[in-house]
Amino acid sequence: MDKCIFCQIIEHKIPAQIVLENEEIIAFRDINPQAPVHILIIPKKHISSLIELNKNHDELIGQICRVAKELAKKESIDSSGFRLVVNTGPNAGQAVNHIHFHLLGGRKLKWPPG
């Protein structure tokens, strides 16, 4: 089985507009943005979905949230507001089976979202 598209981006085998990368996390602009700012934040370790998380992932999820805060500030959406979304499963719209967090902002977001 081929690696998922996000794993290929992590390995720099598929180009992406990377905005942040460290040892554990990579963040890049979504190719189909739903807001002026739409960045995907993903762990480099392949985790299929939120359902697979356990206590060993607590620090990683904390890092992802801190990265979201840092990117919101960098993108100047920290004070106007932003949304951090995790779709889990097909009915929620999870299109890639690699956990990913959508950082959305730069416009007024509606509620309910879907």
C-alpha atoms as a PDB file:
ATOM      1  CA  MET A   1       0.000   0.000   0.000  1.00  0.00           C
ATOM      2  CA  ASP A   2       1.281   3.462  -0.886  1.00  0.00           C
ATOM      3  CA  LYS A   3       1.890   5.951   1.880  1.00  0.00           C
ATOM      4  CA  CYS A   4      -0.790   8.550   2.436  1.00  0.00           C
ATOM      5  CA  ILE A   5      -0.456  11.895   0.699  1.00  0.00           C
ATOM      6  CA  PHE A   6       0.385  13.650   3.989  1.00  0.00           C
ATOM      7  CA  CYS A   7       3.211  11.188   4.710  1.00  0.00           C
ATOM      8  CA  GLN A   8       4.567  11.954   1.234  1.00  0.00           C
ATOM      9  CA  ILE A   9       4.418  15.690   1.992  1.00  0.00           C
ATOM     10  CA  ILE A  10       6.244  15.043   5.290  1.00  0.00           C
ATOM     11  CA  GLU A  11       8.964  13.237   3.314  1.00  0.00           C
ATOM     12  CA  HIS A  12       9.064  16.150   0.805  1.00  0.00           C
ATOM     13  CA  LYS A  13       8.128  13.769  -2.022  1.00  0.00           C
ATOM     14  CA  ILE A  14       5.074  15.897  -2.874  1.00  0.00           C
ATOM     15  CA  PRO A  15       5.386  19.691  -2.921  1.00  0.00           C
ATOM     16  CA  ALA A  16       3.451  21.767  -0.434  1.00  0.00           C
ATOM     17  CA  GLN A  17       3.495  25.383   0.675  1.00  0.00           C
ATOM     18  CA  ILE A  18       5.050  24.688   4.070  1.00  0.00           C
ATOM     19  CA  VAL A  19       4.652  27.459   6.641  1.00  0.00           C
ATOM     20  CA  LEU A  20       6.186  25.672   9.647  1.00  0.00           C
ATOM     21  CA  GLU A  21       8.152  22.498  10.233  1.00  0.00           C
ATOM     22  CA  ASN A  22       9.882  21.033  13.249  1.00  0.00           C
ATOM     23  CA  GLU A  23      10.845  17.513  14.344  1.00  0.00           C
ATOM     24  CA  GLU A  24       7.278  16.495  15.247  1.00  0.00           C
ATOM     25  CA  ILE A  25       4.932  18.693  13.188  1.00  0.00           C
ATOM     26  CA  ILE A  26       4.540  20.100   9.705  1.00  0.00           C
ATOM     27  CA  ALA A  27       2.066  22.818   8.685  1.00  0.00           C
ATOM     28  CA  PHE A  28       1.198  23.795   5.143  1.00  0.00           C
ATOM     29  CA  ARG A  29      -1.426  25.744   3.214  1.00  0.00           C
ATOM     30  CA  ASP A  30      -4.494  23.780   2.117  1.00  0.00           C
ATOM     31  CA  ILE A  31      -4.693  23.376  -1.677  1.00  0.00           C
ATOM     32  CA  ASN A  32      -8.470  23.947  -1.523  1.00  0.00           C
ATOM     33  CA  PRO A  33      -8.763  26.788   1.013  1.00  0.00           C
ATOM     34  CA  GLN A  34     -12.121  27.401   2.684  1.00  0.00           C
ATOM     35  CA  ALA A  35     -11.005  30.725   4.185  1.00  0.00           C
ATOM     36  CA  PRO A  36      -8.325  33.326   3.430  1.00  0.00           C
ATOM     37  CA  VAL A  37      -6.141  31.512   5.965  1.00  0.00           C
ATOM     38  CA  HIS A  38      -6.449  27.723   5.732  1.00  0.00           C
ATOM     39  CA  ILE A  39      -3.453  25.838   7.057  1.00  0.00           C
ATOM     40  CA  LEU A  40      -3.235  22.124   7.788  1.00  0.00           C
ATOM     41  CA  ILE A  41      -1.248  21.181  10.885  1.00  0.00           C
ATOM     42  CA  ILE A  42      -0.256  17.537  11.090  1.00  0.00           C
ATOM     43  CA  PRO A  43       1.987  15.324  13.187  1.00  0.00           C
ATOM     44  CA  LYS A  44       4.850  13.735  11.296  1.00  0.00           C
ATOM     45  CA  LYS A  45       4.029  10.439  12.958  1.00  0.00           C
ATOM     46  CA  HIS A  46       1.240   8.727  11.027  1.00  0.00           C
ATOM     47  CA  ILE A  47      -1.891   8.605  13.184  1.00  0.00           C
ATOM     48  CA  SER A  48      -5.007   7.790  11.156  1.00  0.00           C
ATOM     49  CA  SER A  49      -7.535   9.807  13.137  1.00  0.00           C
ATOM     50  CA  LEU A  50      -8.521  11.298  16.464  1.00  0.00           C
ATOM     51  CA  ILE A  51      -9.890   7.865  17.427  1.00  0.00           C
ATOM     52  CA  GLU A  52      -6.337   6.453  17.542  1.00  0.00           C
ATOM     53  CA  LEU A  53      -5.071   8.986  20.093  1.00  0.00           C
ATOM     54  CA  ASN A  54      -4.077   7.835  23.568  1.00  0.00           C
ATOM     55  CA  LYS A  55      -2.317   9.313  26.616  1.00  0.00           C
ATOM     56  CA  ASN A  56       1.052   8.950  24.868  1.00  0.00           C
ATOM     57  CA  HIS A  57      -0.073  11.588  22.370  1.00  0.00           C
ATOM     58  CA  ASP A  58      -0.941  14.269  24.943  1.00  0.00           C
ATOM     59  CA  GLU A  59       2.292  16.245  24.466  1.00  0.00           C
ATOM     60  CA  LEU A  60       2.012  16.046  20.679  1.00  0.00           C
ATOM     61  CA  ILE A  61      -1.545  17.405  20.699  1.00  0.00           C
ATOM     62  CA  GLY A  62      -0.422  20.182  23.036  1.00  0.00           C
ATOM     63  CA  GLN A  63       2.354  21.056  20.581  1.00  0.00           C
ATOM     64  CA  ILE A  64      -0.140  21.154  17.712  1.00  0.00           C
ATOM     65  CA  CYS A  65      -2.321  23.596  19.661  1.00  0.00           C
ATOM     66  CA  ARG A  66       0.689  25.790  20.424  1.00  0.00           C
ATOM     67  CA  VAL A  67       1.671  25.718  16.730  1.00  0.00           C
ATOM     68  CA  ALA A  68      -1.898  26.759  15.826  1.00  0.00           C
ATOM     69  CA  LYS A  69      -1.604  29.715  18.209  1.00  0.00           C
ATOM     70  CA  GLU A  70       1.803  30.662  16.751  1.00  0.00           C
ATOM     71  CA  LEU A  71       0.516  30.442  13.169  1.00  0.00           C
ATOM     72  CA  ALA A  72      -2.629  32.430  14.008  1.00  0.00           C
ATOM     73  CA  LYS A  73      -0.386  35.185  15.320  1.00  0.00           C
ATOM     74  CA  LYS A  74       1.938  34.966  12.296  1.00  0.00           C
ATOM     75  CA  GLU A  75      -1.059  35.149   9.923  1.00  0.00           C
ATOM     76  CA  SER A  76      -2.568  38.095  11.891  1.00  0.00           C
ATOM     77  CA  ILE A  77      -5.797  36.264  12.753  1.00  0.00           C
ATOM     78  CA  ASP A  78      -5.092  35.859  16.470  1.00  0.00           C
ATOM     79  CA  SER A  79      -7.093  38.886  17.558  1.00  0.00           C
ATOM     80  CA  SER A  80      -9.906  38.706  14.971  1.00  0.00           C
ATOM     81  CA  GLY A  81     -10.536  35.020  15.654  1.00  0.00           C
ATOM     82  CA  PHE A  82      -9.877  31.658  14.094  1.00  0.00           C
ATOM     83  CA  ARG A  83     -11.103  28.088  14.172  1.00  0.00           C
ATOM     84  CA  LEU A  84      -9.138  24.873  14.740  1.00  0.00           C
ATOM     85  CA  VAL A  85     -11.023  21.890  13.297  1.00  0.00           C
ATOM     86  CA  VAL A  86     -10.388  18.136  13.325  1.00  0.00           C
ATOM     87  CA  ASN A  87     -12.640  16.082  11.065  1.00  0.00           C
ATOM     88  CA  THR A  88     -12.875  12.450  12.173  1.00  0.00           C
ATOM     89  CA  GLY A  89     -14.340   9.813   9.867  1.00  0.00           C
ATOM     90  CA  PRO A  90     -16.105   9.981   6.521  1.00  0.00           C
ATOM     91  CA  ASN A  91     -19.355  11.564   7.770  1.00  0.00           C
ATOM     92  CA  ALA A  92     -17.330  14.427   9.257  1.00  0.00           C
ATOM     93  CA  GLY A  93     -15.465  15.008   6.003  1.00  0.00           C
ATOM     94  CA  GLN A  94     -12.108  13.419   6.828  1.00  0.00           C
ATOM     95  CA  ALA A  95     -10.683  12.945   3.325  1.00  0.00           C
ATOM     96  CA  VAL A  96      -7.152  11.832   4.279  1.00  0.00           C
ATOM     97  CA  ASN A  97      -6.603   9.119   6.871  1.00  0.00           C
ATOM     98  CA  HIS A  98      -3.846  10.994   8.677  1.00  0.00           C
ATOM     99  CA  ILE A  99      -4.978  13.164  11.589  1.00  0.00           C
ATOM    100  CA  HIS A 100      -4.860  16.815  10.607  1.00  0.00           C
ATOM    101  CA  PHE A 101      -5.998  20.065  12.144  1.00  0.00           C
ATOM    102  CA  HIS A 102      -7.444  22.825   9.961  1.00  0.00           C
ATOM    103  CA  LEU A 103      -6.529  26.357  11.057  1.00  0.00           C
ATOM    104  CA  LEU A 104      -9.151  28.623   9.482  1.00  0.00           C
ATOM    105  CA  GLY A 105      -9.479  32.387   9.675  1.00  0.00           C
ATOM    106  CA  GLY A 106      -9.277  35.698   7.896  1.00  0.00           C
ATOM    107  CA  ARG A 107     -13.044  36.079   7.516  1.00  0.00           C
ATOM    108  CA  LYS A 108     -16.164  35.769   9.668  1.00  0.00           C
ATOM    109  CA  LEU A 109     -16.854  32.062  10.045  1.00  0.00           C
ATOM    110  CA  LYS A 110     -20.450  30.841  10.241  1.00  0.00           C
ATOM    111  CA  TRP A 111     -22.026  28.586  12.850  1.00  0.00           C
ATOM    112  CA  PRO A 112     -23.081  25.864  12.611  1.00  0.00           C
ATOM    113  CA  PRO A 113     -20.211  24.973  10.272  1.00  0.00           C
ATOM    114  CA  GLY A 114     -21.768  22.166   8.233  1.00  0.00           C
END
